[in-house]
PDB file of N, CA and C in Angstrom:
ATOM      1  N   GLY A   1      27.356-100.099  71.509  1.00  0.00           N
ATOM      2  CA  GLY A   1      27.413-101.014  72.297  1.00  0.00           C
ATOM      3  C   GLY A   1      26.779-100.853  73.405  1.00  0.00           C
ATOM      4  N   TYR A   2      27.308-101.051  74.606  1.00  0.00           N
ATOM      5  CA  TYR A   2      26.565-101.571  75.329  1.00  0.00           C
ATOM      6  C   TYR A   2      26.754-100.797  77.164  1.00  0.00           C
ATOM      7  N   LYS A   3      26.185-100.109  77.755  1.00  0.00           N
ATOM      8  CA  LYS A   3      26.251 -99.211  79.178  1.00  0.00           C
ATOM      9  C   LYS A   3      26.501-100.139  80.040  1.00  0.00           C
ATOM     10  N   ALA A   4      27.638 -99.693  80.831  1.00  0.00           N
ATOM     11  CA  ALA A   4      27.607-100.857  82.128  1.00  0.00           C
ATOM     12  C   ALA A   4      27.879 -99.484  83.152  1.00  0.00           C
ATOM     13  N   VAL A   5      27.377-100.548  84.369  1.00  0.00           N
ATOM     14  CA  VAL A   5      27.732-100.073  86.064  1.00  0.00           C
ATOM     15  C   VAL A   5      28.969-100.550  86.279  1.00  0.00           C
ATOM     16  N   ILE A   6      30.204 -99.688  86.620  1.00  0.00           N
ATOM     17  CA  ILE A   6      31.142-100.402  87.047  1.00  0.00           C
ATOM     18  C   ILE A   6      30.740-100.502  88.767  1.00  0.00           C
ATOM     19  N   ASN A   7      30.727-101.667  89.174  1.00  0.00           N
ATOM     20  CA  ASN A   7      30.835-101.556  91.403  1.00  0.00           C
ATOM     21  C   ASN A   7      30.460-100.380  91.292  1.00  0.00           C
ATOM     22  N   SER A   8      29.042-100.221  91.047  1.00  0.00           N
ATOM     23  CA  SER A   8      27.747 -99.535  91.432  1.00  0.00           C
ATOM     24  C   SER A   8      28.945 -98.066  91.893  1.00  0.00           C
ATOM     25  N   ALA A   9      29.532 -97.481  90.541  1.00  0.00           N
ATOM     26  CA  ALA A   9      29.672 -96.454  90.790  1.00  0.00           C
ATOM     27  C   ALA A   9      30.414 -95.557  89.390  1.00  0.00           C
ATOM     28  N   HIS A  10      30.622 -96.321  88.893  1.00  0.00           N
ATOM     29  CA  HIS A  10      30.932 -95.820  87.344  1.00  0.00           C
ATOM     30  C   HIS A  10      30.257 -95.920  86.003  1.00  0.00           C
ATOM     31  N   MET A  11      30.483 -95.419  85.094  1.00  0.00           N
ATOM     32  CA  MET A  11      29.903 -95.948  83.951  1.00  0.00           C
ATOM     33  C   MET A  11      30.911 -96.243  82.993  1.00  0.00           C
ATOM     34  N   GLY A  12      30.879 -97.073  82.660  1.00  0.00           N
ATOM     35  CA  GLY A  12      31.443 -97.844  81.435  1.00  0.00           C
ATOM     36  C   GLY A  12      30.850 -98.428  79.800  1.00  0.00           C
ATOM     37  N   ILE A  13      31.282 -98.628  78.663  1.00  0.00           N
ATOM     38  CA  ILE A  13      30.743 -99.228  77.719  1.00  0.00           C
ATOM     39  C   ILE A  13      31.082-100.428  76.985  1.00  0.00           C
ATOM     40  N   ILE A  14      30.903-101.448  76.751  1.00  0.00           N
ATOM     41  CA  ILE A  14      31.433-102.279  75.831  1.00  0.00           C
ATOM     42  C   ILE A  14      30.887-102.614  74.803  1.00  0.00           C
ATOM     43  N   TYR A  15      31.839-102.553  73.747  1.00  0.00           N
ATOM     44  CA  TYR A  15      31.818-102.608  72.033  1.00  0.00           C
ATOM     45  C   TYR A  15      31.162-103.986  71.963  1.00  0.00           C
ATOM     46  N   LYS A  16      30.174-103.319  71.160  1.00  0.00           N
ATOM     47  CA  LYS A  16      29.115-104.659  71.033  1.00  0.00           C
ATOM     48  C   LYS A  16      30.000-105.726  69.833  1.00  0.00           C
ATOM     49  N   ASN A  17      30.937-105.616  69.355  1.00  0.00           N
ATOM     50  CA  ASN A  17      32.274-106.303  68.491  1.00  0.00           C
ATOM     51  C   ASN A  17      32.913-107.328  69.247  1.00  0.00           C
ATOM     52  N   GLU A  18      32.769-106.769  70.498  1.00  0.00           N
ATOM     53  CA  GLU A  18      33.762-107.460  71.532  1.00  0.00           C
ATOM     54  C   GLU A  18      32.823-108.332  72.419  1.00  0.00           C
ATOM     55  N   VAL A  19      31.849-108.308  72.146  1.00  0.00           N
ATOM     56  CA  VAL A  19      30.497-109.162  72.945  1.00  0.00           C
ATOM     57  C   VAL A  19      30.124-110.459  72.290  1.00  0.00           C
ATOM     58  N   PHE A  20      30.693-111.327  72.917  1.00  0.00           N
ATOM     59  CA  PHE A  20      30.179-113.210  72.275  1.00  0.00           C
ATOM     60  C   PHE A  20      29.493-114.134  73.210  1.00  0.00           C
ATOM     61  N   GLN A  21      28.434-113.148  74.055  1.00  0.00           N
ATOM     62  CA  GLN A  21      27.358-113.976  74.730  1.00  0.00           C
ATOM     63  C   GLN A  21      26.435-113.044  74.358  1.00  0.00           C
ATOM     64  N   PRO A  22      25.083-113.703  75.034  1.00  0.00           N
ATOM     65  CA  PRO A  22      24.130-112.886  75.274  1.00  0.00           C
ATOM     66  C   PRO A  22      24.103-112.309  76.363  1.00  0.00           C
ATOM     67  N   LEU A  23      23.798-110.636  76.471  1.00  0.00           N
ATOM     68  CA  LEU A  23      23.480-109.842  77.413  1.00  0.00           C
ATOM     69  C   LEU A  23      21.805-109.290  77.705  1.00  0.00           C
ATOM     70  N   ASN A  24      21.777-109.476  78.953  1.00  0.00           N
ATOM     71  CA  ASN A  24      21.087-108.627  79.229  1.00  0.00           C
ATOM     72  C   ASN A  24      21.140-107.804  79.868  1.00  0.00           C
ATOM     73  N   ILE A  25      19.957-106.435  80.370  1.00  0.00           N
ATOM     74  CA  ILE A  25      19.632-105.439  81.328  1.00  0.00           C
ATOM     75  C   ILE A  25      19.537-106.322  82.707  1.00  0.00           C
ATOM     76  N   GLY A  26      20.548-105.562  83.396  1.00  0.00           N
ATOM     77  CA  GLY A  26      20.575-106.501  84.406  1.00  0.00           C
ATOM     78  C   GLY A  26      21.484-107.242  85.166  1.00  0.00           C
ATOM     79  N   ASP A  27      22.003-107.994  84.032  1.00  0.00           N
ATOM     80  CA  ASP A  27      22.707-108.968  84.446  1.00  0.00           C
ATOM     81  C   ASP A  27      24.386-108.609  85.085  1.00  0.00           C
ATOM     82  N   LYS A  28      24.661-109.347  86.211  1.00  0.00           N
ATOM     83  CA  LYS A  28      26.093-108.691  86.291  1.00  0.00           C
ATOM     84  C   LYS A  28      26.988-109.853  86.364  1.00  0.00           C
ATOM     85  N   ILE A  29      28.065-109.394  85.630  1.00  0.00           N
ATOM     86  CA  ILE A  29      29.010-110.400  84.710  1.00  0.00           C
ATOM     87  C   ILE A  29      30.663-109.437  85.344  1.00  0.00           C
ATOM     88  N   ARG A  30      31.543-110.193  84.944  1.00  0.00           N
ATOM     89  CA  ARG A  30      32.695-109.357  85.438  1.00  0.00           C
ATOM     90  C   ARG A  30      33.298-109.160  83.772  1.00  0.00           C
ATOM     91  N   GLY A  31      33.875-108.047  84.213  1.00  0.00           N
ATOM     92  CA  GLY A  31      35.029-107.230  82.801  1.00  0.00           C
ATOM     93  C   GLY A  31      36.171-106.886  83.433  1.00  0.00           C
ATOM     94  N   PHE A  32      36.342-106.304  82.662  1.00  0.00           N
ATOM     95  CA  PHE A  32      37.480-105.617  82.774  1.00  0.00           C
ATOM     96  C   PHE A  32      38.171-104.037  82.151  1.00  0.00           C
ATOM     97  N   ILE A  33      38.813-103.251  82.875  1.00  0.00           N
ATOM     98  CA  ILE A  33      38.870-102.266  82.297  1.00  0.00           C
ATOM     99  C   ILE A  33      40.351-102.426  81.231  1.00  0.00           C
ATOM    100  N   LYS A  34      39.646-101.397  79.678  1.00  0.00           N
ATOM    101  CA  LYS A  34      40.759-101.992  78.622  1.00  0.00           C
ATOM    102  C   LYS A  34      41.808-100.477  78.565  1.00  0.00           C
ATOM    103  N   LYS A  35      40.360 -99.620  79.082  1.00  0.00           N
ATOM    104  CA  LYS A  35      41.278 -98.043  78.681  1.00  0.00           C
ATOM    105  C   LYS A  35      40.169 -96.878  78.966  1.00  0.00           C
ATOM    106  N   ILE A  36      40.915 -96.171  80.471  1.00  0.00           N
ATOM    107  CA  ILE A  36      39.993 -94.850  80.462  1.00  0.00           C
ATOM    108  C   ILE A  36      40.371 -93.715  79.868  1.00  0.00           C
ATOM    109  N   ARG A  37      39.148 -93.191  79.118  1.00  0.00           N
ATOM    110  CA  ARG A  37      39.917 -92.472  78.004  1.00  0.00           C
ATOM    111  C   ARG A  37      40.239 -90.849  78.801  1.00  0.00           C
ATOM    112  N   GLU A  38      40.348 -89.724  77.542  1.00  0.00           N
ATOM    113  CA  GLU A  38      41.196 -88.852  77.961  1.00  0.00           C
ATOM    114  C   GLU A  38      39.833 -88.095  78.456  1.00  0.00           C
ATOM    115  N   ASP A  39      38.458 -88.038  78.063  1.00  0.00           N
ATOM    116  CA  ASP A  39      37.526 -87.404  78.213  1.00  0.00           C
ATOM    117  C   ASP A  39      36.742 -88.648  78.985  1.00  0.00           C
ATOM    118  N   GLY A  40      37.499 -89.201  80.649  1.00  0.00           N
ATOM    119  CA  GLY A  40      37.091 -90.044  81.335  1.00  0.00           C
ATOM    120  C   GLY A  40      36.203 -90.916  81.697  1.00  0.00           C
ATOM    121  N   LYS A  41      35.467 -91.392  80.512  1.00  0.00           N
ATOM    122  CA  LYS A  41      34.363 -92.468  79.605  1.00  0.00           C
ATOM    123  C   LYS A  41      35.947 -93.664  80.085  1.00  0.00           C
ATOM    124  N   ILE A  42      34.993 -94.860  80.553  1.00  0.00           N
ATOM    125  CA  ILE A  42      36.145 -95.863  80.600  1.00  0.00           C
ATOM    126  C   ILE A  42      35.618 -97.026  79.589  1.00  0.00           C
ATOM    127  N   ASP A  43      36.098 -97.973  79.010  1.00  0.00           N
ATOM    128  CA  ASP A  43      35.853 -98.863  78.227  1.00  0.00           C
ATOM    129  C   ASP A  43      36.164 -99.672  78.898  1.00  0.00           C
ATOM    130  N   LEU A  44      35.460-100.908  78.332  1.00  0.00           N
ATOM    131  CA  LEU A  44      35.581-102.442  78.893  1.00  0.00           C
ATOM    132  C   LEU A  44      35.418-103.109  77.979  1.00  0.00           C
ATOM    133  N   SER A  45      35.641-104.427  78.562  1.00  0.00           N
ATOM    134  CA  SER A  45      35.445-105.795  77.674  1.00  0.00           C
ATOM    135  C   SER A  45      35.182-106.900  78.735  1.00  0.00           C
ATOM    136  N   LEU A  46      34.564-108.207  77.870  1.00  0.00           N
ATOM    137  CA  LEU A  46      34.040-109.309  78.919  1.00  0.00           C
ATOM    138  C   LEU A  46      35.312-110.202  78.910  1.00  0.00           C
ATOM    139  N   GLN A  47      36.742-109.881  77.972  1.00  0.00           N
ATOM    140  CA  GLN A  47      37.658-110.784  78.511  1.00  0.00           C
ATOM    141  C   GLN A  47      39.160-110.164  78.738  1.00  0.00           C
ATOM    142  N   GLU A  48      39.842-110.731  79.189  1.00  0.00           N
ATOM    143  CA  GLU A  48      40.977-110.184  79.881  1.00  0.00           C
ATOM    144  C   GLU A  48      42.220-109.925  78.502  1.00  0.00           C
ATOM    145  N   ALA A  49      43.112-108.580  79.449  1.00  0.00           N
ATOM    146  CA  ALA A  49      43.708-108.213  78.112  1.00  0.00           C
ATOM    147  C   ALA A  49      45.010-109.355  77.695  1.00  0.00           C
ATOM    148  N   GLY A  50      44.857-109.388  76.332  1.00  0.00           N
ATOM    149  CA  GLY A  50      46.623-109.952  75.678  1.00  0.00           C
ATOM    150  C   GLY A  50      47.082-111.213  76.477  1.00  0.00           C
ATOM    151  N   HIS A  51      47.841-111.536  77.055  1.00  0.00           N
ATOM    152  CA  HIS A  51      48.682-111.960  77.602  1.00  0.00           C
ATOM    153  C   HIS A  51      48.022-112.967  78.765  1.00  0.00           C
ATOM    154  N   GLU A  52      47.504-112.229  79.930  1.00  0.00           N
ATOM    155  CA  GLU A  52      46.422-112.738  80.445  1.00  0.00           C
ATOM    156  C   GLU A  52      45.939-114.055  80.402  1.00  0.00           C
ATOM    157  N   ARG A  53      45.325-114.038  79.348  1.00  0.00           N
ATOM    158  CA  ARG A  53      44.166-114.662  79.180  1.00  0.00           C
ATOM    159  C   ARG A  53      44.402-115.895  78.078  1.00  0.00           C
ATOM    160  N   ILE A  54      45.480-116.013  77.570  1.00  0.00           N
ATOM    161  CA  ILE A  54      46.357-116.903  76.442  1.00  0.00           C
ATOM    162  C   ILE A  54      46.551-117.981  77.546  1.00  0.00           C
ATOM    163  N   GLY A  55      46.908-118.016  78.692  1.00  0.00           N
ATOM    164  CA  GLY A  55      47.575-119.333  79.308  1.00  0.00           C
ATOM    165  C   GLY A  55      46.074-119.780  79.875  1.00  0.00           C
ATOM    166  N   PRO A  56      45.440-119.428  80.194  1.00  0.00           N
ATOM    167  CA  PRO A  56      44.007-120.017  80.347  1.00  0.00           C
ATOM    168  C   PRO A  56      43.220-121.054  79.053  1.00  0.00           C
ATOM    169  N   ALA A  57      43.105-119.663  77.953  1.00  0.00           N
ATOM    170  CA  ALA A  57      42.742-120.662  77.139  1.00  0.00           C
ATOM    171  C   ALA A  57      43.093-121.308  76.827  1.00  0.00           C
ATOM    172  N   ALA A  58      44.425-121.385  76.314  1.00  0.00           N
ATOM    173  CA  ALA A  58      45.483-122.728  76.569  1.00  0.00           C
ATOM    174  C   ALA A  58      45.348-124.185  76.656  1.00  0.00           C
ATOM    175  N   GLU A  59      45.426-124.113  78.008  1.00  0.00           N
ATOM    176  CA  GLU A  59      44.366-125.230  78.891  1.00  0.00           C
ATOM    177  C   GLU A  59      43.467-125.316  78.758  1.00  0.00           C
ATOM    178  N   LEU A  60      43.036-124.307  78.807  1.00  0.00           N
ATOM    179  CA  LEU A  60      40.861-125.101  78.053  1.00  0.00           C
ATOM    180  C   LEU A  60      41.649-125.942  76.341  1.00  0.00           C
ATOM    181  N   VAL A  61      41.817-125.149  75.586  1.00  0.00           N
ATOM    182  CA  VAL A  61      42.135-125.830  74.756  1.00  0.00           C
ATOM    183  C   VAL A  61      42.450-127.133  74.798  1.00  0.00           C
ATOM    184  N   ILE A  62      43.786-127.702  75.234  1.00  0.00           N
ATOM    185  CA  ILE A  62      44.110-128.780  75.691  1.00  0.00           C
ATOM    186  C   ILE A  62      42.718-129.733  76.292  1.00  0.00           C
ATOM    187  N   THR A  63      42.151-128.942  76.858  1.00  0.00           N
ATOM    188  CA  THR A  63      41.221-129.332  77.826  1.00  0.00           C
ATOM    189  C   THR A  63      40.529-130.161  77.380  1.00  0.00           C
ATOM    190  N   LYS A  64      39.605-129.471  76.117  1.00  0.00           N
ATOM    191  CA  LYS A  64      38.133-129.658  74.963  1.00  0.00           C
ATOM    192  C   LYS A  64      38.917-130.818  74.359  1.00  0.00           C
ATOM    193  N   ILE A  65      40.227-130.717  73.439  1.00  0.00           N
ATOM    194  CA  ILE A  65      40.572-131.522  73.131  1.00  0.00           C
ATOM    195  C   ILE A  65      40.482-133.057  73.512  1.00  0.00           C
ATOM    196  N   LYS A  66      41.030-133.040  74.687  1.00  0.00           N
ATOM    197  CA  LYS A  66      41.128-134.514  75.333  1.00  0.00           C
ATOM    198  C   LYS A  66      39.801-134.905  76.068  1.00  0.00           C
ATOM    199  N   GLU A  67      39.021-134.133  76.028  1.00  0.00           N
ATOM    200  CA  GLU A  67      37.497-135.125  76.401  1.00  0.00           C
ATOM    201  C   GLU A  67      36.641-135.113  74.962  1.00  0.00           C
ATOM    202  N   ALA A  68      37.809-134.589  74.018  1.00  0.00           N
ATOM    203  CA  ALA A  68      36.840-135.144  72.239  1.00  0.00           C
ATOM    204  C   ALA A  68      38.041-135.821  71.921  1.00  0.00           C
ATOM    205  N   GLY A  69      38.785-137.308  72.920  1.00  0.00           N
ATOM    206  CA  GLY A  69      39.684-138.150  72.800  1.00  0.00           C
ATOM    207  C   GLY A  69      40.729-138.191  72.234  1.00  0.00           C
ATOM    208  N   GLY A  70      41.005-136.175  71.887  1.00  0.00           N
ATOM    209  CA  GLY A  70      42.844-136.538  71.243  1.00  0.00           C
ATOM    210  C   GLY A  70      42.342-135.741  70.289  1.00  0.00           C
ATOM    211  N   PHE A  71      40.684-135.371  69.924  1.00  0.00           N
ATOM    212  CA  PHE A  71      40.783-134.883  67.806  1.00  0.00           C
ATOM    213  C   PHE A  71      39.460-134.126  68.017  1.00  0.00           C
ATOM    214  N   LEU A  72      39.805-132.488  68.091  1.00  0.00           N
ATOM    215  CA  LEU A  72      38.596-132.123  67.636  1.00  0.00           C
ATOM    216  C   LEU A  72      38.326-131.482  66.394  1.00  0.00           C
ATOM    217  N   PRO A  73      37.612-131.309  65.632  1.00  0.00           N
ATOM    218  CA  PRO A  73      37.143-130.806  64.366  1.00  0.00           C
ATOM    219  C   PRO A  73      36.710-129.286  64.391  1.00  0.00           C
ATOM    220  N   VAL A  74      37.810-128.701  64.884  1.00  0.00           N
ATOM    221  CA  VAL A  74      37.630-127.181  64.955  1.00  0.00           C
ATOM    222  C   VAL A  74      39.411-126.403  64.783  1.00  0.00           C
ATOM    223  N   THR A  75      39.152-125.314  63.284  1.00  0.00           N
ATOM    224  CA  THR A  75      40.574-125.140  63.169  1.00  0.00           C
ATOM    225  C   THR A  75      39.909-123.290  62.909  1.00  0.00           C
ATOM    226  N   ASP A  76      41.200-122.877  62.671  1.00  0.00           N
ATOM    227  CA  ASP A  76      41.338-121.080  63.349  1.00  0.00           C
ATOM    228  C   ASP A  76      40.204-120.560  61.459  1.00  0.00           C
ATOM    229  N   LYS A  77      39.349-121.594  61.159  1.00  0.00           N
ATOM    230  CA  LYS A  77      38.528-121.282  59.805  1.00  0.00           C
ATOM    231  C   LYS A  77      37.180-121.831  59.805  1.00  0.00           C
ATOM    232  N   SER A  78      37.008-122.248  61.138  1.00  0.00           N
ATOM    233  CA  SER A  78      35.910-122.427  61.922  1.00  0.00           C
ATOM    234  C   SER A  78      35.371-121.082  62.350  1.00  0.00           C
ATOM    235  N   ALA A  79      33.654-121.036  62.151  1.00  0.00           N
ATOM    236  CA  ALA A  79      32.565-119.921  62.575  1.00  0.00           C
ATOM    237  C   ALA A  79      33.211-119.379  64.029  1.00  0.00           C
ATOM    238  N   PRO A  80      33.094-117.898  64.001  1.00  0.00           N
ATOM    239  CA  PRO A  80      33.558-117.519  65.482  1.00  0.00           C
ATOM    240  C   PRO A  80      32.798-118.322  66.768  1.00  0.00           C
ATOM    241  N   GLU A  81      31.028-118.313  66.155  1.00  0.00           N
ATOM    242  CA  GLU A  81      30.165-118.384  66.739  1.00  0.00           C
ATOM    243  C   GLU A  81      30.460-120.415  67.073  1.00  0.00           C
ATOM    244  N   ILE A  82      30.902-120.951  66.731  1.00  0.00           N
ATOM    245  CA  ILE A  82      31.372-122.179  67.147  1.00  0.00           C
ATOM    246  C   ILE A  82      32.393-122.281  68.085  1.00  0.00           C
ATOM    247  N   ILE A  83      33.394-121.209  67.068  1.00  0.00           N
ATOM    248  CA  ILE A  83      34.814-121.445  68.533  1.00  0.00           C
ATOM    249  C   ILE A  83      34.097-121.252  70.323  1.00  0.00           C
ATOM    250  N   TYR A  84      32.916-120.163  69.989  1.00  0.00           N
ATOM    251  CA  TYR A  84      32.565-119.552  71.352  1.00  0.00           C
ATOM    252  C   TYR A  84      31.421-120.721  71.959  1.00  0.00           C
ATOM    253  N   THR A  85      31.189-120.903  71.259  1.00  0.00           N
ATOM    254  CA  THR A  85      29.833-122.585  71.906  1.00  0.00           C
ATOM    255  C   THR A  85      31.204-123.709  72.419  1.00  0.00           C
ATOM    256  N   ILE A  86      32.244-123.817  71.673  1.00  0.00           N
ATOM    257  CA  ILE A  86      32.602-124.600  72.341  1.00  0.00           C
ATOM    258  C   ILE A  86      33.897-124.295  73.252  1.00  0.00           C
ATOM    259  N   PHE A  87      34.306-123.605  73.395  1.00  0.00           N
ATOM    260  CA  PHE A  87      35.488-122.692  74.178  1.00  0.00           C
ATOM    261  C   PHE A  87      34.670-121.478  75.072  1.00  0.00           C
ATOM    262  N   GLY A  88      33.757-120.523  74.497  1.00  0.00           N
ATOM    263  CA  GLY A  88      33.988-119.690  75.619  1.00  0.00           C
ATOM    264  C   GLY A  88      35.201-118.584  75.330  1.00  0.00           C
ATOM    265  N   MET A  89      35.445-118.446  74.155  1.00  0.00           N
ATOM    266  CA  MET A  89      36.355-117.517  74.182  1.00  0.00           C
ATOM    267  C   MET A  89      36.218-116.904  72.339  1.00  0.00           C
ATOM    268  N   SER A  90      37.166-116.018  72.215  1.00  0.00           N
ATOM    269  CA  SER A  90      36.925-115.033  71.332  1.00  0.00           C
ATOM    270  C   SER A  90      37.797-116.029  69.869  1.00  0.00           C
ATOM    271  N   LYS A  91      37.109-115.999  68.492  1.00  0.00           N
ATOM    272  CA  LYS A  91      38.253-116.490  67.887  1.00  0.00           C
ATOM    273  C   LYS A  91      39.804-116.075  67.709  1.00  0.00           C
ATOM    274  N   LYS A  92      39.655-114.360  68.547  1.00  0.00           N
ATOM    275  CA  LYS A  92      41.479-114.156  68.299  1.00  0.00           C
ATOM    276  C   LYS A  92      41.625-114.996  68.921  1.00  0.00           C
ATOM    277  N   VAL A  93      41.291-114.838  70.768  1.00  0.00           N
ATOM    278  CA  VAL A  93      41.672-115.897  71.985  1.00  0.00           C
ATOM    279  C   VAL A  93      42.163-116.932  71.402  1.00  0.00           C
ATOM    280  N   PHE A  94      41.007-117.465  70.583  1.00  0.00           N
ATOM    281  CA  PHE A  94      41.536-119.116  70.592  1.00  0.00           C
ATOM    282  C   PHE A  94      42.738-119.403  69.730  1.00  0.00           C
ATOM    283  N   LYS A  95      42.947-118.778  68.360  1.00  0.00           N
ATOM    284  CA  LYS A  95      44.329-118.020  67.703  1.00  0.00           C
ATOM    285  C   LYS A  95      45.395-118.142  68.409  1.00  0.00           C
ATOM    286  N   LYS A  96      44.955-117.414  68.922  1.00  0.00           N
ATOM    287  CA  LYS A  96      46.356-116.766  69.471  1.00  0.00           C
ATOM    288  C   LYS A  96      46.581-118.538  70.763  1.00  0.00           C
ATOM    289  N   ALA A  97      46.014-118.619  71.514  1.00  0.00           N
ATOM    290  CA  ALA A  97      46.064-120.158  71.716  1.00  0.00           C
ATOM    291  C   ALA A  97      46.290-121.072  71.480  1.00  0.00           C
ATOM    292  N   CYS A  98      45.821-121.641  70.300  1.00  0.00           N
ATOM    293  CA  CYS A  98      46.911-122.483  69.274  1.00  0.00           C
ATOM    294  C   CYS A  98      47.313-122.359  69.143  1.00  0.00           C
ATOM    295  N   GLY A  99      47.847-121.059  68.211  1.00  0.00           N
ATOM    296  CA  GLY A  99      49.764-120.549  68.082  1.00  0.00           C
ATOM    297  C   GLY A  99      50.145-121.192  69.344  1.00  0.00           C
ATOM    298  N   THR A 100      49.913-120.627  70.581  1.00  0.00           N
ATOM    299  CA  THR A 100      51.195-120.840  71.502  1.00  0.00           C
ATOM    300  C   THR A 100      51.393-122.456  71.389  1.00  0.00           C
ATOM    301  N   LEU A 101      50.437-123.118  72.060  1.00  0.00           N
ATOM    302  CA  LEU A 101      50.205-124.767  72.250  1.00  0.00           C
ATOM    303  C   LEU A 101      50.873-125.110  70.749  1.00  0.00           C
ATOM    304  N   TYR A 102      50.944-124.873  69.341  1.00  0.00           N
ATOM    305  CA  TYR A 102      51.757-125.672  68.483  1.00  0.00           C
ATOM    306  C   TYR A 102      53.293-125.487  69.208  1.00  0.00           C
ATOM    307  N   LYS A 103      53.363-124.026  69.221  1.00  0.00           N
ATOM    308  CA  LYS A 103      54.867-123.853  69.279  1.00  0.00           C
ATOM    309  C   LYS A 103      55.873-124.766  70.586  1.00  0.00           C
ATOM    310  N   LYS A 104      54.603-124.775  71.323  1.00  0.00           N
ATOM    311  CA  LYS A 104      55.334-125.540  72.380  1.00  0.00           C
ATOM    312  C   LYS A 104      54.951-127.297  71.728  1.00  0.00           C
ATOM    313  N   ARG A 105      55.051-127.414  70.758  1.00  0.00           N
ATOM    314  CA  ARG A 105      54.082-129.111  70.055  1.00  0.00           C
ATOM    315  C   ARG A 105      53.385-129.139  71.269  1.00  0.00           C
ATOM    316  N   ARG A 106      52.665-129.117  71.585  1.00  0.00           N
ATOM    317  CA  ARG A 106      51.399-129.504  72.302  1.00  0.00           C
ATOM    318  C   ARG A 106      50.205-130.090  71.679  1.00  0.00           C
ATOM    319  N   ILE A 107      49.921-129.076  70.364  1.00  0.00           N
ATOM    320  CA  ILE A 107      49.416-129.677  69.303  1.00  0.00           C
ATOM    321  C   ILE A 107      49.975-130.101  68.259  1.00  0.00           C
ATOM    322  N   LEU A 108      48.691-131.158  67.147  1.00  0.00           N
ATOM    323  CA  LEU A 108      48.649-130.521  65.615  1.00  0.00           C
ATOM    324  C   LEU A 108      47.542-129.744  64.911  1.00  0.00           C
ATOM    325  N   ILE A 109      48.400-128.990  63.857  1.00  0.00           N
ATOM    326  CA  ILE A 109      46.991-128.004  63.157  1.00  0.00           C
ATOM    327  C   ILE A 109      46.658-129.229  62.223  1.00  0.00           C
ATOM    328  N   GLU A 110      45.661-129.406  62.438  1.00  0.00           N
ATOM    329  CA  GLU A 110      45.813-130.015  60.959  1.00  0.00           C
ATOM    330  C   GLU A 110      44.415-129.145  60.253  1.00  0.00           C
ATOM    331  N   LYS A 111      44.265-130.318  58.769  1.00  0.00           N
ATOM    332  CA  LYS A 111      43.336-129.741  57.882  1.00  0.00           C
ATOM    333  C   LYS A 111      41.778-129.536  58.372  1.00  0.00           C
ATOM    334  N   LYS A 112      40.968-130.751  59.412  1.00  0.00           N
ATOM    335  CA  LYS A 112      40.431-130.618  59.667  1.00  0.00           C
ATOM    336  C   LYS A 112      40.101-130.812  61.285  1.00  0.00           C
ATOM    337  N   GLY A 113      41.249-129.943  61.750  1.00  0.00           N
ATOM    338  CA  GLY A 113      40.722-130.376  63.411  1.00  0.00           C
ATOM    339  C   GLY A 113      42.097-129.765  64.176  1.00  0.00           C
ATOM    340  N   LEU A 114      42.023-130.141  65.250  1.00  0.00           N
ATOM    341  CA  LEU A 114      43.117-129.973  65.642  1.00  0.00           C
ATOM    342  C   LEU A 114      43.857-131.513  66.746  1.00  0.00           C
ATOM    343  N   ARG A 115      44.970-131.302  66.720  1.00  0.00           N
ATOM    344  CA  ARG A 115      45.348-133.081  67.522  1.00  0.00           C
ATOM    345  C   ARG A 115      45.924-133.017  68.495  1.00  0.00           C
ATOM    346  N   LEU A 116      46.111-133.449  69.469  1.00  0.00           N
ATOM    347  CA  LEU A 116      47.316-133.660  70.653  1.00  0.00           C
ATOM    348  C   LEU A 116      48.060-134.239  69.929  1.00  0.00           C
ATOM    349  N   THR A 117      49.094-133.489  70.906  1.00  0.00           N
ATOM    350  CA  THR A 117      50.690-134.390  70.615  1.00  0.00           C
ATOM    351  C   THR A 117      50.716-135.319  71.371  1.00  0.00           C
ATOM    352  N   GLU A 118      51.237-136.510  71.394  1.00  0.00           N
ATOM    353  CA  GLU A 118      51.990-137.530  72.417  1.00  0.00           C
ATOM    354  C   GLU A 118      52.673-136.524  73.616  1.00  0.00           C
ATOM    355  N   LYS A 119      53.247-135.554  73.905  1.00  0.00           N
ATOM    356  CA  LYS A 119      53.867-134.845  74.787  1.00  0.00           C
ATOM    357  C   LYS A 119      52.771-134.112  75.296  1.00  0.00           C
ATOM    358  N   SER A 120      51.207-133.543  74.798  1.00  0.00           N
ATOM    359  CA  SER A 120      50.219-133.390  75.772  1.00  0.00           C
ATOM    360  C   SER A 120      49.183-134.739  76.270  1.00  0.00           C
ATOM    361  N   SER A 121      49.388-135.836  75.609  1.00  0.00           N
ATOM    362  CA  SER A 121      48.393-136.999  76.095  1.00  0.00           C
ATOM    363  C   SER A 121      48.272-137.547  77.777  1.00  0.00           C
TER     364      SER A 121
END
């Protein structure tokens, strides 16, 4: 993982399997506290936890599909790196956002990609 300094006062760790962007020594980026462990160590994440991030993620998916003319050739089978490059989010968040949009009938999930419904056009 990566060690991180929190507000110039505390140390935390970001697990390598939760990092979807290049990180360099000295980078100042926004992070979120996932957990403060019993031993006092702080687990960090670069993404907001749970449902707090799905709303903005879902709107970003809609925006990107609109920018692509109503169809985007990305699915839940796409590589995590492709999803991060296009949307700046993890595959897990992307899948939850798409599920939310599908349930609200704002997108269609097709074999070759995502399509806006008339409700979102």
